[in-house]
C-alpha cells in the first residue's frame, strides 16, 4: 500500500508500507537430518560459533564440525540464560550430561546467546566446550531459532532473542542420530536416552566397547560393591570352615 505524508516543510512524499510478516512455525532439525556445518574460533573460555568455514585473522585456533566428529560422535546443545526459571535446571542437566559423556570420551558442545566470559562473571565454571553464537547463525541453521516465531509469543518471561532448548547426537557422517526438543519448556533432558544413543554408535569405536561398566550410575556401583563384599566374606568363611 502506498500512502502520502507531509513533512515539516509542507512537502508531500509517497510512503510504501510493507505487509507485516506472519509468524512462521519454527522447524528444528530432527533425527535423520544432516547437521549443518559450523565452526568454532577462539580458545578455551572464549569460543565463538559461526556458520563459516574459516575464522577471521587473529581469532586464535579453530575447530569445525568435521574436526569434532572425525573419530566419534558429539553431542550439541543450545542454552540461554534468558530462559528465566528454566535456565538453571537446564544448565545443571547439561553439567550432569557432560559428566556422563566424559566417561566415554564424548565431547559436549553447547552454543549460547551469552558469551562464555559473561557466564564466567556470573560464577559459572563450565567443564565443556561452550561457544558464543552471537548472531544466532548456527541456531538458525539447526532451526531452533527463528525471529518470525519468537519464543516470547508462546512462553511468558522469556526474551524474543531466545532459541528453544535442544540436544542433538551427531554421528561422524554428520547425521543426527538423536534429538531432544522442548518447545514448550516443560520437559527435562533425558540423560539416559542421550547416553544410550551415544553407546549405540560405540561399535564403530572399539576403544569404547570395554567401558560400559564404568558408565553405571552411583547406585548400581554401590550395590555391586556391597554384593562383592558379601561374596568375599562368604567365600572367606567357607575357606576357614570347610
C-alpha atoms as a PDB file:
ATOM      1  CA  UNK A   1       0.000   0.000   0.000  1.00  0.00           C
ATOM      2  CA  UNK A   2       1.316   3.459  -0.950  1.00  0.00           C
ATOM      3  CA  UNK A   3       0.475   6.427   1.290  1.00  0.00           C
ATOM      4  CA  UNK A   4       1.431  10.079   1.281  1.00  0.00           C
ATOM      5  CA  UNK A   5       2.688  12.018   4.263  1.00  0.00           C
ATOM      6  CA  UNK A   6       3.514  15.671   4.723  1.00  0.00           C
ATOM      7  CA  UNK A   7       6.923  16.560   6.140  1.00  0.00           C
ATOM      8  CA  UNK A   8       7.840  19.562   8.265  1.00  0.00           C
ATOM      9  CA  UNK A   9       8.371  21.702   5.117  1.00  0.00           C
ATOM     10  CA  UNK A  10       4.883  21.028   3.835  1.00  0.00           C
ATOM     11  CA  UNK A  11       6.029  18.722   1.052  1.00  0.00           C
ATOM     12  CA  UNK A  12       4.083  15.546   0.330  1.00  0.00           C
ATOM     13  CA  UNK A  13       6.152  12.388  -0.045  1.00  0.00           C
ATOM     14  CA  UNK A  14       4.979   8.900  -1.020  1.00  0.00           C
ATOM     15  CA  UNK A  15       5.470   6.134   1.542  1.00  0.00           C
ATOM     16  CA  UNK A  16       5.023   2.442   0.797  1.00  0.00           C
ATOM     17  CA  UNK A  17       4.066   0.172   3.660  1.00  0.00           C
ATOM     18  CA  UNK A  18       5.196  -3.428   3.804  1.00  0.00           C
ATOM     19  CA  UNK A  19       2.911  -6.202   4.990  1.00  0.00           C
ATOM     20  CA  UNK A  20       3.705  -7.473   8.477  1.00  0.00           C
ATOM     21  CA  UNK A  21       5.255 -10.922   8.425  1.00  0.00           C
ATOM     22  CA  UNK A  22       3.066 -13.634   9.802  1.00  0.00           C
ATOM     23  CA  UNK A  23       4.560 -15.937  12.381  1.00  0.00           C
ATOM     24  CA  UNK A  24       6.285 -18.859  10.709  1.00  0.00           C
ATOM     25  CA  UNK A  25       6.330 -22.126  12.596  1.00  0.00           C
ATOM     26  CA  UNK A  26       9.790 -22.976  13.851  1.00  0.00           C
ATOM     27  CA  UNK A  27      11.219 -26.048  12.105  1.00  0.00           C
ATOM     28  CA  UNK A  28      14.104 -27.523  14.088  1.00  0.00           C
ATOM     29  CA  UNK A  29      16.179 -30.353  12.675  1.00  0.00           C
ATOM     30  CA  UNK A  30      15.336 -33.842  13.866  1.00  0.00           C
ATOM     31  CA  UNK A  31      16.697 -37.382  13.886  1.00  0.00           C
ATOM     32  CA  UNK A  32      17.789 -38.460  10.409  1.00  0.00           C
ATOM     33  CA  UNK A  33      18.607 -34.938   9.181  1.00  0.00           C
ATOM     34  CA  UNK A  34      22.134 -33.871   8.296  1.00  0.00           C
ATOM     35  CA  UNK A  35      23.632 -31.439  10.801  1.00  0.00           C
ATOM     36  CA  UNK A  36      24.630 -28.117   9.221  1.00  0.00           C
ATOM     37  CA  UNK A  37      28.287 -27.184   9.035  1.00  0.00           C
ATOM     38  CA  UNK A  38      29.605 -24.814  11.702  1.00  0.00           C
ATOM     39  CA  UNK A  39      32.969 -23.825  13.090  1.00  0.00           C
ATOM     40  CA  UNK A  40      34.307 -22.508  16.376  1.00  0.00           C
ATOM     41  CA  UNK A  41      37.113 -19.998  16.707  1.00  0.00           C
ATOM     42  CA  UNK A  42      38.996 -18.527  19.654  1.00  0.00           C
ATOM     43  CA  UNK A  43      40.009 -20.763  22.529  1.00  0.00           C
ATOM     44  CA  UNK A  44      39.065 -22.065  25.956  1.00  0.00           C
ATOM     45  CA  UNK A  45      36.757 -19.616  27.711  1.00  0.00           C
ATOM     46  CA  UNK A  46      36.256 -17.513  24.566  1.00  0.00           C
ATOM     47  CA  UNK A  47      34.913 -19.741  21.804  1.00  0.00           C
ATOM     48  CA  UNK A  48      32.774 -18.105  19.111  1.00  0.00           C
ATOM     49  CA  UNK A  49      30.447 -20.062  16.831  1.00  0.00           C
ATOM     50  CA  UNK A  50      29.989 -19.322  13.147  1.00  0.00           C
ATOM     51  CA  UNK A  51      28.418 -20.876  10.078  1.00  0.00           C
ATOM     52  CA  UNK A  52      31.552 -20.002   8.113  1.00  0.00           C
ATOM     53  CA  UNK A  53      34.461 -22.350   7.493  1.00  0.00           C
ATOM     54  CA  UNK A  54      37.426 -20.141   8.331  1.00  0.00           C
ATOM     55  CA  UNK A  55      37.709 -17.742  11.289  1.00  0.00           C
ATOM     56  CA  UNK A  56      38.874 -14.195  10.831  1.00  0.00           C
ATOM     57  CA  UNK A  57      42.547 -13.439  11.226  1.00  0.00           C
ATOM     58  CA  UNK A  58      43.664 -13.046  14.821  1.00  0.00           C
ATOM     59  CA  UNK A  59      40.811 -15.102  16.309  1.00  0.00           C
ATOM     60  CA  UNK A  60      43.056 -17.889  17.577  1.00  0.00           C
ATOM     61  CA  UNK A  61      42.586 -21.570  16.918  1.00  0.00           C
ATOM     62  CA  UNK A  62      39.597 -23.058  15.145  1.00  0.00           C
ATOM     63  CA  UNK A  63      37.505 -26.223  15.224  1.00  0.00           C
ATOM     64  CA  UNK A  64      34.932 -27.277  12.666  1.00  0.00           C
ATOM     65  CA  UNK A  65      32.095 -29.755  12.919  1.00  0.00           C
ATOM     66  CA  UNK A  66      34.137 -32.065  10.701  1.00  0.00           C
ATOM     67  CA  UNK A  67      37.016 -31.916  13.199  1.00  0.00           C
ATOM     68  CA  UNK A  68      34.703 -32.656  16.104  1.00  0.00           C
ATOM     69  CA  UNK A  69      33.079 -35.729  14.513  1.00  0.00           C
ATOM     70  CA  UNK A  70      36.202 -37.047  12.801  1.00  0.00           C
ATOM     71  CA  UNK A  71      36.588 -40.074  15.090  1.00  0.00           C
ATOM     72  CA  UNK A  72      33.450 -40.309  17.225  1.00  0.00           C
ATOM     73  CA  UNK A  73      30.021 -38.758  17.708  1.00  0.00           C
ATOM     74  CA  UNK A  74      29.475 -35.484  19.517  1.00  0.00           C
ATOM     75  CA  UNK A  75      26.558 -34.016  21.430  1.00  0.00           C
ATOM     76  CA  UNK A  76      25.450 -30.468  20.580  1.00  0.00           C
ATOM     77  CA  UNK A  77      23.100 -28.435  22.746  1.00  0.00           C
ATOM     78  CA  UNK A  78      21.749 -24.895  22.937  1.00  0.00           C
ATOM     79  CA  UNK A  79      21.399 -22.850  26.122  1.00  0.00           C
ATOM     80  CA  UNK A  80      20.287 -19.337  27.056  1.00  0.00           C
ATOM     81  CA  UNK A  81      20.397 -17.657  30.499  1.00  0.00           C
ATOM     82  CA  UNK A  82      17.375 -15.627  29.328  1.00  0.00           C
ATOM     83  CA  UNK A  83      15.092 -18.625  29.905  1.00  0.00           C
ATOM     84  CA  UNK A  84      14.250 -17.424  33.397  1.00  0.00           C
ATOM     85  CA  UNK A  85      13.492 -20.166  35.928  1.00  0.00           C
ATOM     86  CA  UNK A  86      14.022 -22.823  33.262  1.00  0.00           C
ATOM     87  CA  UNK A  87      17.647 -21.814  32.656  1.00  0.00           C
ATOM     88  CA  UNK A  88      19.415 -23.035  35.798  1.00  0.00           C
ATOM     89  CA  UNK A  89      17.841 -26.540  35.914  1.00  0.00           C
ATOM     90  CA  UNK A  90      18.636 -26.963  32.222  1.00  0.00           C
ATOM     91  CA  UNK A  91      22.260 -25.888  32.728  1.00  0.00           C
ATOM     92  CA  UNK A  92      22.579 -28.281  35.679  1.00  0.00           C
ATOM     93  CA  UNK A  93      21.271 -31.054  33.421  1.00  0.00           C
ATOM     94  CA  UNK A  94      23.932 -30.203  30.854  1.00  0.00           C
ATOM     95  CA  UNK A  95      26.599 -30.423  33.553  1.00  0.00           C
ATOM     96  CA  UNK A  96      25.354 -33.892  34.572  1.00  0.00           C
ATOM     97  CA  UNK A  97      25.148 -34.927  30.933  1.00  0.00           C
ATOM     98  CA  UNK A  98      28.721 -33.802  30.376  1.00  0.00           C
ATOM     99  CA  UNK A  99      29.885 -35.853  33.371  1.00  0.00           C
ATOM    100  CA  UNK A 100      28.314 -38.956  31.819  1.00  0.00           C
ATOM    101  CA  UNK A 101      29.719 -38.235  28.353  1.00  0.00           C
ATOM    102  CA  UNK A 102      33.240 -37.658  29.653  1.00  0.00           C
ATOM    103  CA  UNK A 103      33.309 -41.223  30.954  1.00  0.00           C
ATOM    104  CA  UNK A 104      33.161 -42.460  27.362  1.00  0.00           C
ATOM    105  CA  UNK A 105      35.260 -39.709  25.785  1.00  0.00           C
ATOM    106  CA  UNK A 106      32.409 -37.910  24.011  1.00  0.00           C
ATOM    107  CA  UNK A 107      32.514 -34.125  23.547  1.00  0.00           C
ATOM    108  CA  UNK A 108      29.610 -31.907  24.598  1.00  0.00           C
ATOM    109  CA  UNK A 109      29.371 -28.662  22.615  1.00  0.00           C
ATOM    110  CA  UNK A 110      26.970 -26.028  23.968  1.00  0.00           C
ATOM    111  CA  UNK A 111      26.064 -22.921  21.964  1.00  0.00           C
ATOM    112  CA  UNK A 112      24.603 -19.883  23.697  1.00  0.00           C
ATOM    113  CA  UNK A 113      23.465 -16.340  23.043  1.00  0.00           C
ATOM    114  CA  UNK A 114      25.549 -15.416  26.105  1.00  0.00           C
ATOM    115  CA  UNK A 115      29.344 -15.384  25.860  1.00  0.00           C
ATOM    116  CA  UNK A 116      31.493 -17.742  27.968  1.00  0.00           C
ATOM    117  CA  UNK A 117      33.173 -14.735  29.609  1.00  0.00           C
ATOM    118  CA  UNK A 118      29.810 -13.316  30.655  1.00  0.00           C
ATOM    119  CA  UNK A 119      28.811 -16.617  32.230  1.00  0.00           C
ATOM    120  CA  UNK A 120      32.190 -16.835  33.974  1.00  0.00           C
ATOM    121  CA  UNK A 121      31.485 -13.428  35.566  1.00  0.00           C
ATOM    122  CA  UNK A 122      28.277 -14.957  36.928  1.00  0.00           C
ATOM    123  CA  UNK A 123      30.322 -17.642  38.652  1.00  0.00           C
ATOM    124  CA  UNK A 124      29.605 -20.382  36.110  1.00  0.00           C
ATOM    125  CA  UNK A 125      32.694 -22.527  35.509  1.00  0.00           C
ATOM    126  CA  UNK A 126      31.720 -24.959  32.781  1.00  0.00           C
ATOM    127  CA  UNK A 127      33.795 -28.014  32.004  1.00  0.00           C
ATOM    128  CA  UNK A 128      32.628 -28.482  28.422  1.00  0.00           C
ATOM    129  CA  UNK A 129      33.091 -26.758  25.088  1.00  0.00           C
ATOM    130  CA  UNK A 130      30.927 -23.629  25.395  1.00  0.00           C
ATOM    131  CA  UNK A 131      30.670 -21.215  22.459  1.00  0.00           C
ATOM    132  CA  UNK A 132      29.017 -17.860  21.800  1.00  0.00           C
ATOM    133  CA  UNK A 133      26.500 -17.957  18.922  1.00  0.00           C
ATOM    134  CA  UNK A 134      26.344 -14.175  18.893  1.00  0.00           C
ATOM    135  CA  UNK A 135      24.269 -13.645  15.729  1.00  0.00           C
ATOM    136  CA  UNK A 136      22.286 -16.872  16.070  1.00  0.00           C
ATOM    137  CA  UNK A 137      23.946 -18.089  12.858  1.00  0.00           C
ATOM    138  CA  UNK A 138      24.282 -21.700  13.967  1.00  0.00           C
ATOM    139  CA  UNK A 139      20.997 -21.878  15.882  1.00  0.00           C
ATOM    140  CA  UNK A 140      19.192 -20.636  12.755  1.00  0.00           C
ATOM    141  CA  UNK A 141      20.799 -23.429  10.734  1.00  0.00           C
ATOM    142  CA  UNK A 142      19.651 -26.021  13.241  1.00  0.00           C
ATOM    143  CA  UNK A 143      16.183 -24.452  13.144  1.00  0.00           C
ATOM    144  CA  UNK A 144      15.983 -23.840  16.892  1.00  0.00           C
ATOM    145  CA  UNK A 145      15.847 -20.057  16.444  1.00  0.00           C
ATOM    146  CA  UNK A 146      13.566 -18.084  14.148  1.00  0.00           C
ATOM    147  CA  UNK A 147      12.824 -14.408  14.628  1.00  0.00           C
ATOM    148  CA  UNK A 148       9.486 -14.930  12.846  1.00  0.00           C
ATOM    149  CA  UNK A 149       8.461 -17.428  15.520  1.00  0.00           C
ATOM    150  CA  UNK A 150       9.604 -15.765  18.768  1.00  0.00           C
ATOM    151  CA  UNK A 151       9.683 -17.791  21.957  1.00  0.00           C
ATOM    152  CA  UNK A 152       8.058 -14.957  23.920  1.00  0.00           C
ATOM    153  CA  UNK A 153       4.954 -15.404  21.765  1.00  0.00           C
ATOM    154  CA  UNK A 154       4.445 -18.840  23.352  1.00  0.00           C
ATOM    155  CA  UNK A 155       6.233 -18.763  26.714  1.00  0.00           C
ATOM    156  CA  UNK A 156       5.968 -15.877  29.172  1.00  0.00           C
ATOM    157  CA  UNK A 157       9.037 -14.431  30.875  1.00  0.00           C
ATOM    158  CA  UNK A 158      11.465 -15.241  28.044  1.00  0.00           C
ATOM    159  CA  UNK A 159      13.066 -12.721  25.681  1.00  0.00           C
ATOM    160  CA  UNK A 160      12.450 -12.678  21.935  1.00  0.00           C
ATOM    161  CA  UNK A 161      16.132 -13.408  21.262  1.00  0.00           C
ATOM    162  CA  UNK A 162      15.982 -16.889  22.755  1.00  0.00           C
ATOM    163  CA  UNK A 163      16.124 -20.158  20.894  1.00  0.00           C
ATOM    164  CA  UNK A 164      14.350 -23.291  22.056  1.00  0.00           C
ATOM    165  CA  UNK A 165      16.163 -25.877  24.218  1.00  0.00           C
ATOM    166  CA  UNK A 166      17.611 -28.663  22.090  1.00  0.00           C
ATOM    167  CA  UNK A 167      20.129 -31.514  22.269  1.00  0.00           C
ATOM    168  CA  UNK A 168      21.496 -33.416  19.265  1.00  0.00           C
ATOM    169  CA  UNK A 169      23.668 -36.523  18.984  1.00  0.00           C
ATOM    170  CA  UNK A 170      25.607 -36.200  15.723  1.00  0.00           C
ATOM    171  CA  UNK A 171      27.461 -39.110  14.154  1.00  0.00           C
ATOM    172  CA  UNK A 172      30.711 -38.995  12.143  1.00  0.00           C
ATOM    173  CA  UNK A 173      28.707 -38.757   8.894  1.00  0.00           C
ATOM    174  CA  UNK A 174      27.034 -35.577  10.275  1.00  0.00           C
ATOM    175  CA  UNK A 175      23.727 -37.393  10.506  1.00  0.00           C
ATOM    176  CA  UNK A 176      21.607 -36.572  13.555  1.00  0.00           C
ATOM    177  CA  UNK A 177      21.172 -39.838  15.452  1.00  0.00           C
ATOM    178  CA  UNK A 178      19.030 -38.431  18.266  1.00  0.00           C
ATOM    179  CA  UNK A 179      17.255 -35.173  19.003  1.00  0.00           C
ATOM    180  CA  UNK A 180      15.646 -33.627  22.074  1.00  0.00           C
ATOM    181  CA  UNK A 181      13.446 -30.536  21.684  1.00  0.00           C
ATOM    182  CA  UNK A 182      11.484 -28.707  24.370  1.00  0.00           C
ATOM    183  CA  UNK A 183       9.427 -26.125  22.514  1.00  0.00           C
ATOM    184  CA  UNK A 184       7.035 -25.648  25.448  1.00  0.00           C
ATOM    185  CA  UNK A 185       9.762 -25.505  28.134  1.00  0.00           C
ATOM    186  CA  UNK A 186       8.170 -28.263  30.185  1.00  0.00           C
ATOM    187  CA  UNK A 187      10.274 -31.390  29.575  1.00  0.00           C
ATOM    188  CA  UNK A 188      13.604 -32.252  31.257  1.00  0.00           C
ATOM    189  CA  UNK A 189      16.564 -33.614  29.329  1.00  0.00           C
ATOM    190  CA  UNK A 190      16.599 -37.418  29.225  1.00  0.00           C
ATOM    191  CA  UNK A 191      20.272 -38.022  30.020  1.00  0.00           C
ATOM    192  CA  UNK A 192      19.917 -41.809  29.919  1.00  0.00           C
ATOM    193  CA  UNK A 193      18.414 -41.701  26.420  1.00  0.00           C
ATOM    194  CA  UNK A 194      21.205 -39.455  25.142  1.00  0.00           C
ATOM    195  CA  UNK A 195      23.954 -41.638  26.589  1.00  0.00           C
ATOM    196  CA  UNK A 196      22.179 -44.723  25.242  1.00  0.00           C
ATOM    197  CA  UNK A 197      22.230 -43.309  21.713  1.00  0.00           C
ATOM    198  CA  UNK A 198      25.896 -42.422  22.096  1.00  0.00           C
ATOM    199  CA  UNK A 199      26.546 -46.033  23.083  1.00  0.00           C
ATOM    200  CA  UNK A 200      24.542 -47.261  20.094  1.00  0.00           C
ATOM    201  CA  UNK A 201      27.312 -45.796  17.937  1.00  0.00           C
ATOM    202  CA  UNK A 202      30.090 -47.382  20.015  1.00  0.00           C
ATOM    203  CA  UNK A 203      30.636 -50.500  17.828  1.00  0.00           C
ATOM    204  CA  UNK A 204      32.374 -48.211  15.370  1.00  0.00           C
ATOM    205  CA  UNK A 205      34.801 -47.286  18.142  1.00  0.00           C
ATOM    206  CA  UNK A 206      36.401 -50.456  19.611  1.00  0.00           C
ATOM    207  CA  UNK A 207      38.208 -48.485  22.305  1.00  0.00           C
ATOM    208  CA  UNK A 208      34.824 -47.822  23.979  1.00  0.00           C
ATOM    209  CA  UNK A 209      33.427 -51.355  23.831  1.00  0.00           C
ATOM    210  CA  UNK A 210      35.027 -52.452  27.122  1.00  0.00           C
ATOM    211  CA  UNK A 211      33.826 -49.414  29.110  1.00  0.00           C
ATOM    212  CA  UNK A 212      30.098 -49.885  29.819  1.00  0.00           C
ATOM    213  CA  UNK A 213      30.769 -50.916  33.439  1.00  0.00           C
ATOM    214  CA  UNK A 214      32.324 -47.522  34.093  1.00  0.00           C
ATOM    215  CA  UNK A 215      29.101 -45.855  32.969  1.00  0.00           C
ATOM    216  CA  UNK A 216      26.728 -47.408  35.504  1.00  0.00           C
ATOM    217  CA  UNK A 217      25.238 -44.973  37.985  1.00  0.00           C
ATOM    218  CA  UNK A 218      26.407 -44.469  41.556  1.00  0.00           C
ATOM    219  CA  UNK A 219      23.576 -46.558  42.996  1.00  0.00           C
ATOM    220  CA  UNK A 220      24.447 -49.529  40.795  1.00  0.00           C
ATOM    221  CA  UNK A 221      28.137 -49.196  41.644  1.00  0.00           C
ATOM    222  CA  UNK A 222      27.324 -49.169  45.376  1.00  0.00           C
ATOM    223  CA  UNK A 223      25.044 -52.174  45.028  1.00  0.00           C
ATOM    224  CA  UNK A 224      27.753 -54.083  43.149  1.00  0.00           C
ATOM    225  CA  UNK A 225      30.342 -53.172  45.797  1.00  0.00           C
ATOM    226  CA  UNK A 226      28.113 -54.493  48.600  1.00  0.00           C
ATOM    227  CA  UNK A 227      27.391 -57.677  46.652  1.00  0.00           C
ATOM    228  CA  UNK A 228      31.105 -58.231  46.013  1.00  0.00           C
ATOM    229  CA  UNK A 229      31.924 -57.634  49.687  1.00  0.00           C
ATOM    230  CA  UNK A 230      29.284 -60.132  50.745  1.00  0.00           C
ATOM    231  CA  UNK A 231      30.569 -62.671  48.247  1.00  0.00           C
ATOM    232  CA  UNK A 232      34.147 -62.330  49.502  1.00  0.00           C
ATOM    233  CA  UNK A 233      33.048 -62.617  53.151  1.00  0.00           C
ATOM    234  CA  UNK A 234      31.052 -65.748  52.365  1.00  0.00           C
ATOM    235  CA  UNK A 235      33.923 -67.239  50.397  1.00  0.00           C
ATOM    236  CA  UNK A 236      36.348 -66.475  53.226  1.00  0.00           C
ATOM    237  CA  UNK A 237      34.062 -68.094  55.806  1.00  0.00           C
ATOM    238  CA  UNK A 238      33.748 -71.212  53.689  1.00  0.00           C
ATOM    239  CA  UNK A 239      37.522 -71.350  53.286  1.00  0.00           C
ATOM    240  CA  UNK A 240      38.082 -71.083  57.059  1.00  0.00           C
ATOM    241  CA  UNK A 241      35.328 -73.588  57.910  1.00  0.00           C
ATOM    242  CA  UNK A 242      35.373 -76.223  55.144  1.00  0.00           C
END
